[in-house]
Amino acid sequence: MGRQATIALYVLAMVIIVVAVDILFFRDHFWARLMANVGIVLIFGAFYLRFFNRS
């Protein structure tokens, strides 16, 4: 699989997880939802830099 396809699947997985967490746990809690979303994106970013960034 190409590098662009791998990154696209990675971003799609991140979006699916963010939406699922929003709907399942933080529907009516804006600040908790925002913090959870930022945390999820930071974790995905750290994993990307650790495992996928092969420059």
Protein backbone atom coordinates (compact mmCIF):
# COMPACT_ATOMS: atom_id res chain seq x y z
CA MET A 1 0.00 0.00 0.00
CA GLY A 2 1.30 3.45 -0.83
CA ARG A 3 2.37 6.02 1.70
CA GLN A 4 -0.50 8.37 0.89
CA ALA A 5 -3.07 5.61 1.28
CA THR A 6 -1.60 4.64 4.64
CA ILE A 7 -1.75 8.23 5.88
CA ALA A 8 -5.32 8.59 4.58
CA LEU A 9 -6.39 5.47 6.48
CA TYR A 10 -4.60 6.74 9.58
CA VAL A 11 -6.42 10.09 9.43
CA LEU A 12 -9.74 8.31 8.75
CA ALA A 13 -9.21 6.13 11.83
CA MET A 14 -8.49 9.23 13.92
CA VAL A 15 -11.67 10.94 12.70
CA ILE A 16 -13.77 7.85 13.41
CA ILE A 17 -12.39 7.58 16.95
CA VAL A 18 -12.94 11.30 17.67
CA VAL A 19 -16.55 11.15 16.46
CA ALA A 20 -17.26 7.92 18.34
CA VAL A 21 -15.87 9.31 21.60
CA ASP A 22 -17.88 12.51 21.13
CA ILE A 23 -21.13 10.64 20.55
CA LEU A 24 -20.67 7.92 23.17
CA PHE A 25 -19.19 9.82 26.11
CA PHE A 26 -19.21 13.62 25.82
CA ARG A 27 -22.41 14.55 24.02
CA ASP A 28 -23.42 17.43 26.34
CA HIS A 29 -20.07 18.39 27.85
CA PHE A 30 -18.33 20.92 25.62
CA TRP A 31 -15.07 21.45 27.54
CA ALA A 32 -14.55 17.77 28.35
CA ARG A 33 -15.24 16.95 24.70
CA LEU A 34 -12.75 19.56 23.52
CA MET A 35 -10.05 18.29 25.87
CA ALA A 36 -10.68 14.67 24.85
CA ASN A 37 -10.50 15.58 21.15
CA VAL A 38 -7.24 17.48 21.63
CA GLY A 39 -5.82 14.55 23.60
CA ILE A 40 -6.80 12.06 20.91
CA VAL A 41 -5.22 14.18 18.18
CA LEU A 42 -2.02 14.58 20.24
CA ILE A 43 -1.81 10.82 20.81
CA PHE A 44 -2.33 10.12 17.11
CA GLY A 45 0.29 12.76 16.28
CA ALA A 46 2.80 11.17 18.66
CA PHE A 47 2.21 7.73 17.15
CA TYR A 48 2.56 9.16 13.65
CA LEU A 49 5.86 10.81 14.49
CA ARG A 50 7.14 7.65 16.20
CA PHE A 51 6.07 4.97 13.73
CA PHE A 52 5.11 6.50 10.37
CA ASN A 53 7.51 9.40 9.89
CA ARG A 54 10.24 7.72 7.84
CA SER A 55 11.87 10.75 6.23
